[in-house]
Amino acid sequence: MEREIPAHDILALAARKTRYCVCIPVINEGDRIRTQLREMLPMASVADIIIADGGSTDGSTAESELRSAGVRALLVKRGPGRLGAQLRMGFAYALDQGYDGVVLMDGNGKDDPEAIPRFIGALEAGGDFVQGSRFLPGGEAVRNPASRLLGIRLLHAPLISWSAGVRYTDTTNGFRAYSSRFLADPRVALFRDLFAGYELHYYLSIKAGQLGFNVKEIPVRRIYPKEGKTPTKISFFKGNFDVMRCLLRACLNRYDQRT
């Protein structure tokens, strides 16, 4: 099956240095991504950094900014789609570059980069899908909205766990990692244009369990800012409706590849 990947530009800023990469999907994250990349500098010897940009216009992904932060490559989406398209773009690049696995993290400063070596350690220990969880012992939810925490624990995590056949505790957390063997498996078939929004996050969590891949959770910190607007791309009405629609379709296996 031919891979469906959105049209995009690739700006290679450095040579590959490590066996693993960190893929960060962004769009107009401003100072949040600048601060995050500075905090990630100590991880430069652990994993290469790939930015999957959905079309930022705020200057936060300018070449000079990324070079000074040690970013390995910038991918800029030109074709249609939102988060799912950015992820497909990033995963395709990681596989084409021969990385053994991909750590995925948000670009809005909510993820603690200190967890990156633990994700890589879990992959090297045989993990295929490693989910970060703020609810495991050692994890922490810092200033996370109570409504979101309740939604995860009472609805989102139980539904995905039921469909996957694997118990998850934190299924909306974008801090996670994938082995290349999982991403490249033809039964997963992730490179399809129908994965345009949040579908791919949920689909991969479910397929990892259904197909018998090695699934793990590790503790992470999820940190919301002390003040100001909550960093999220999910609007209250339409965004949450889309999340629920995608969640239910994924749990009912509506995104499975049809033969």
Foldseek 3Di string as FASTA:
>chain_A
DDFAAFDKDKDFLAAFQEQEAEEEEDAQLPVLLLVVLQLCLVCLNPHAYEYQYAAHDPCCVPPVSCVVSRHGMYIYGDGAFDPLNSVSNVLVVCVVSNHQKYWYAYRNNQFRSVCVVVQVVCVVVFAFKEAEDQPDVVHHEAPDDPVVQCCQQPPQQVLLCVLQVHRDRGQVHRGMMGGNCLVPDVQLSSRDPVRRYCLSSSLSSRVCRNVVGHYYYDHTYGHFDPDDDTDDPQDDPPRVVVVVVSSVCSSVVVVGDDD
